[in-house]
Amino acid sequence: MEAIGVILQQHHCAIVGGPGTGKSWLIKNITKKLRKDGHVVFVTASTGIAASNLSTVGATTIHKLTGQGFKFMFTNVAHWCQQF
């Protein structure tokens, strides 16, 4: 698969496309292959629904992976508001 070569060379990859184009299938199969070969793979999605569609490969949202969830955003907004 050419995509695996790109991911290994670039260390990250964004897979985009319209509905029904095979994004989930591709992500699941690439993830399985890379993990089987001993690579550490993190799968992130832009929304919780998209992440749940990829739950079989342990996908999460980028916000949850980086710790930038609702609590973080609320704390920063509250801190910002106190300045005014």
N, C-alpha and C. Protein backbone atom coordinates (compact mmCIF):
# COMPACT_ATOMS: atom_id res chain seq x y z
N MET A 1 0.83 -1.18 0.00
CA MET A 1 0.00 0.00 0.00
C MET A 1 0.87 1.24 0.00
N GLU A 2 0.65 2.07 -0.93
CA GLU A 2 1.43 3.30 -1.05
C GLU A 2 1.22 4.21 0.16
N ALA A 3 0.01 4.20 0.72
CA ALA A 3 -0.30 5.07 1.86
C ALA A 3 0.59 4.75 3.06
N ILE A 4 0.89 3.49 3.29
CA ILE A 4 1.74 3.12 4.42
C ILE A 4 3.13 3.70 4.24
N GLY A 5 3.66 3.68 3.04
CA GLY A 5 4.96 4.29 2.76
C GLY A 5 4.97 5.77 3.06
N VAL A 6 3.90 6.46 2.69
CA VAL A 6 3.78 7.90 2.95
C VAL A 6 3.74 8.16 4.46
N ILE A 7 2.94 7.38 5.18
CA ILE A 7 2.82 7.57 6.63
C ILE A 7 4.16 7.33 7.32
N LEU A 8 4.85 6.29 6.93
CA LEU A 8 6.15 5.99 7.56
C LEU A 8 7.18 7.06 7.25
N GLN A 9 7.11 7.64 6.09
CA GLN A 9 8.05 8.69 5.71
C GLN A 9 7.71 10.02 6.38
N GLN A 10 6.42 10.36 6.46
CA GLN A 10 5.98 11.66 6.97
C GLN A 10 5.64 11.64 8.46
N HIS A 11 5.38 10.47 9.03
CA HIS A 11 5.02 10.30 10.44
C HIS A 11 3.64 10.81 10.80
N HIS A 12 2.89 11.31 9.84
CA HIS A 12 1.50 11.70 10.07
C HIS A 12 0.79 11.70 8.73
N CYS A 13 -0.52 11.65 8.79
CA CYS A 13 -1.28 11.59 7.55
C CYS A 13 -2.71 12.05 7.81
N ALA A 14 -3.26 12.82 6.92
CA ALA A 14 -4.67 13.21 6.97
C ALA A 14 -5.37 12.50 5.82
N ILE A 15 -6.40 11.75 6.15
CA ILE A 15 -7.17 11.04 5.12
C ILE A 15 -8.52 11.74 5.01
N VAL A 16 -8.80 12.27 3.84
CA VAL A 16 -10.03 13.02 3.63
C VAL A 16 -10.77 12.46 2.41
N GLY A 17 -12.05 12.73 2.35
CA GLY A 17 -12.85 12.30 1.21
C GLY A 17 -14.31 12.34 1.56
N GLY A 18 -15.13 12.23 0.56
CA GLY A 18 -16.58 12.28 0.75
C GLY A 18 -17.11 10.99 1.36
N PRO A 19 -18.42 10.98 1.64
CA PRO A 19 -19.05 9.80 2.21
C PRO A 19 -18.93 8.60 1.27
N GLY A 20 -18.63 7.45 1.86
CA GLY A 20 -18.60 6.22 1.08
C GLY A 20 -17.37 6.01 0.22
N THR A 21 -16.32 6.79 0.45
CA THR A 21 -15.13 6.67 -0.38
C THR A 21 -14.10 5.69 0.19
N GLY A 22 -14.36 5.17 1.40
CA GLY A 22 -13.47 4.16 1.97
C GLY A 22 -12.48 4.67 3.00
N LYS A 23 -12.73 5.86 3.55
CA LYS A 23 -11.80 6.42 4.54
C LYS A 23 -11.67 5.51 5.76
N SER A 24 -12.80 5.11 6.33
CA SER A 24 -12.76 4.26 7.53
C SER A 24 -12.09 2.93 7.24
N TRP A 25 -12.41 2.33 6.12
CA TRP A 25 -11.79 1.06 5.73
C TRP A 25 -10.27 1.22 5.63
N LEU A 26 -9.84 2.28 4.97
CA LEU A 26 -8.41 2.53 4.79
C LEU A 26 -7.72 2.75 6.13
N ILE A 27 -8.31 3.57 6.98
CA ILE A 27 -7.72 3.86 8.28
C ILE A 27 -7.60 2.59 9.12
N LYS A 28 -8.67 1.80 9.16
CA LYS A 28 -8.65 0.56 9.95
C LYS A 28 -7.58 -0.40 9.45
N ASN A 29 -7.46 -0.56 8.15
CA ASN A 29 -6.48 -1.51 7.61
C ASN A 29 -5.05 -1.02 7.74
N ILE A 30 -4.83 0.26 7.53
CA ILE A 30 -3.48 0.81 7.71
C ILE A 30 -3.06 0.70 9.18
N THR A 31 -3.98 1.04 10.08
CA THR A 31 -3.68 0.97 11.51
C THR A 31 -3.33 -0.45 11.93
N LYS A 32 -4.12 -1.41 11.51
CA LYS A 32 -3.85 -2.82 11.85
C LYS A 32 -2.48 -3.25 11.34
N LYS A 33 -2.16 -2.90 10.10
CA LYS A 33 -0.87 -3.29 9.50
C LYS A 33 0.29 -2.65 10.25
N LEU A 34 0.20 -1.36 10.54
CA LEU A 34 1.30 -0.67 11.22
C LEU A 34 1.50 -1.21 12.64
N ARG A 35 0.41 -1.44 13.35
CA ARG A 35 0.53 -1.98 14.71
C ARG A 35 1.09 -3.40 14.68
N LYS A 36 0.69 -4.18 13.72
CA LYS A 36 1.21 -5.55 13.58
C LYS A 36 2.73 -5.51 13.36
N ASP A 37 3.19 -4.49 12.66
CA ASP A 37 4.62 -4.33 12.40
C ASP A 37 5.37 -3.65 13.55
N GLY A 38 4.67 -3.37 14.66
CA GLY A 38 5.33 -2.83 15.85
C GLY A 38 5.32 -1.32 15.97
N HIS A 39 4.60 -0.63 15.13
CA HIS A 39 4.54 0.83 15.20
C HIS A 39 3.49 1.28 16.20
N VAL A 40 3.73 2.42 16.83
CA VAL A 40 2.74 3.03 17.71
C VAL A 40 1.89 3.95 16.84
N VAL A 41 0.58 3.76 16.88
CA VAL A 41 -0.31 4.51 16.01
C VAL A 41 -1.39 5.18 16.85
N PHE A 42 -1.59 6.48 16.65
CA PHE A 42 -2.69 7.21 17.26
C PHE A 42 -3.64 7.61 16.14
N VAL A 43 -4.90 7.31 16.30
CA VAL A 43 -5.91 7.68 15.31
C VAL A 43 -6.80 8.73 15.94
N THR A 44 -6.88 9.90 15.30
CA THR A 44 -7.71 10.97 15.81
C THR A 44 -8.74 11.35 14.75
N ALA A 45 -9.81 11.96 15.22
CA ALA A 45 -10.88 12.43 14.33
C ALA A 45 -11.32 13.81 14.80
N SER A 46 -11.97 14.53 13.90
CA SER A 46 -12.36 15.90 14.24
C SER A 46 -13.59 15.96 15.13
N THR A 47 -14.41 14.91 15.14
CA THR A 47 -15.61 14.91 15.98
C THR A 47 -15.72 13.59 16.74
N GLY A 48 -16.52 13.61 17.79
CA GLY A 48 -16.74 12.40 18.56
C GLY A 48 -17.44 11.32 17.75
N ILE A 49 -18.35 11.73 16.86
CA ILE A 49 -19.05 10.75 16.02
C ILE A 49 -18.07 10.08 15.08
N ALA A 50 -17.19 10.85 14.48
CA ALA A 50 -16.18 10.26 13.59
C ALA A 50 -15.26 9.32 14.37
N ALA A 51 -14.89 9.70 15.57
CA ALA A 51 -14.03 8.85 16.40
C ALA A 51 -14.76 7.56 16.77
N SER A 52 -16.05 7.64 17.06
CA SER A 52 -16.78 6.42 17.42
C SER A 52 -16.91 5.48 16.24
N ASN A 53 -16.94 6.01 15.03
CA ASN A 53 -16.96 5.16 13.84
C ASN A 53 -15.66 4.38 13.69
N LEU A 54 -14.60 4.86 14.31
CA LEU A 54 -13.28 4.20 14.25
C LEU A 54 -12.89 3.62 15.60
N SER A 55 -13.88 3.31 16.42
CA SER A 55 -13.60 2.82 17.77
C SER A 55 -12.83 1.50 17.77
N THR A 56 -12.95 0.71 16.71
CA THR A 56 -12.24 -0.57 16.68
C THR A 56 -10.73 -0.40 16.63
N VAL A 57 -10.26 0.78 16.24
CA VAL A 57 -8.82 1.04 16.23
C VAL A 57 -8.42 2.03 17.32
N GLY A 58 -9.33 2.29 18.26
CA GLY A 58 -9.01 3.14 19.40
C GLY A 58 -8.95 4.62 19.08
N ALA A 59 -9.74 5.06 18.10
CA ALA A 59 -9.71 6.47 17.72
C ALA A 59 -10.30 7.35 18.82
N THR A 60 -9.83 8.58 18.86
CA THR A 60 -10.33 9.59 19.78
C THR A 60 -10.31 10.93 19.05
N THR A 61 -10.88 11.95 19.66
CA THR A 61 -10.79 13.26 19.03
C THR A 61 -9.41 13.85 19.30
N ILE A 62 -9.00 14.73 18.45
CA ILE A 62 -7.69 15.38 18.63
C ILE A 62 -7.68 16.15 19.94
N HIS A 63 -8.82 16.71 20.34
CA HIS A 63 -8.91 17.48 21.58
C HIS A 63 -8.69 16.60 22.79
N LYS A 64 -9.30 15.42 22.78
CA LYS A 64 -9.14 14.51 23.91
C LYS A 64 -7.70 13.99 23.98
N LEU A 65 -7.12 13.67 22.83
CA LEU A 65 -5.75 13.15 22.81
C LEU A 65 -4.77 14.15 23.40
N THR A 66 -4.97 15.43 23.10
CA THR A 66 -4.03 16.46 23.56
C THR A 66 -4.44 17.10 24.89
N GLY A 67 -5.56 16.63 25.48
CA GLY A 67 -6.00 17.18 26.75
C GLY A 67 -6.66 18.54 26.63
N GLN A 68 -7.15 18.86 25.45
CA GLN A 68 -7.77 20.17 25.21
C GLN A 68 -9.28 20.07 25.22
N GLY A 69 -9.85 19.35 26.16
CA GLY A 69 -11.28 19.12 26.22
C GLY A 69 -12.06 20.30 26.75
N PHE A 70 -13.34 20.06 27.05
CA PHE A 70 -14.25 21.11 27.51
C PHE A 70 -13.75 21.78 28.78
N LYS A 71 -13.27 21.00 29.74
CA LYS A 71 -12.80 21.57 31.00
C LYS A 71 -11.68 22.56 30.75
N PHE A 72 -10.73 22.22 29.87
CA PHE A 72 -9.62 23.10 29.53
C PHE A 72 -10.14 24.39 28.92
N MET A 73 -11.06 24.27 27.96
CA MET A 73 -11.58 25.45 27.28
C MET A 73 -12.36 26.32 28.26
N PHE A 74 -13.18 25.72 29.12
CA PHE A 74 -13.97 26.49 30.08
C PHE A 74 -13.06 27.22 31.06
N THR A 75 -12.03 26.57 31.54
CA THR A 75 -11.10 27.20 32.47
C THR A 75 -10.42 28.40 31.83
N ASN A 76 -9.98 28.24 30.59
CA ASN A 76 -9.32 29.36 29.91
C ASN A 76 -10.27 30.51 29.63
N VAL A 77 -11.51 30.22 29.28
CA VAL A 77 -12.50 31.27 29.04
C VAL A 77 -12.80 32.00 30.34
N ALA A 78 -12.98 31.25 31.43
CA ALA A 78 -13.25 31.87 32.73
C ALA A 78 -12.09 32.77 33.14
N HIS A 79 -10.87 32.32 32.95
CA HIS A 79 -9.69 33.11 33.28
C HIS A 79 -9.64 34.37 32.42
N TRP A 80 -9.94 34.22 31.15
CA TRP A 80 -9.91 35.36 30.23
C TRP A 80 -10.95 36.39 30.63
N CYS A 81 -12.16 35.92 31.02
CA CYS A 81 -13.24 36.84 31.41
C CYS A 81 -12.90 37.62 32.66
N GLN A 82 -12.13 37.03 33.57
CA GLN A 82 -11.77 37.71 34.82
C GLN A 82 -10.88 38.92 34.56
N GLN A 83 -10.23 38.92 33.41
CA GLN A 83 -9.32 40.03 33.09
C GLN A 83 -10.09 41.30 32.74
N PHE A 84 -11.38 41.21 32.48
CA PHE A 84 -12.14 42.38 32.04
C PHE A 84 -13.12 42.84 33.07
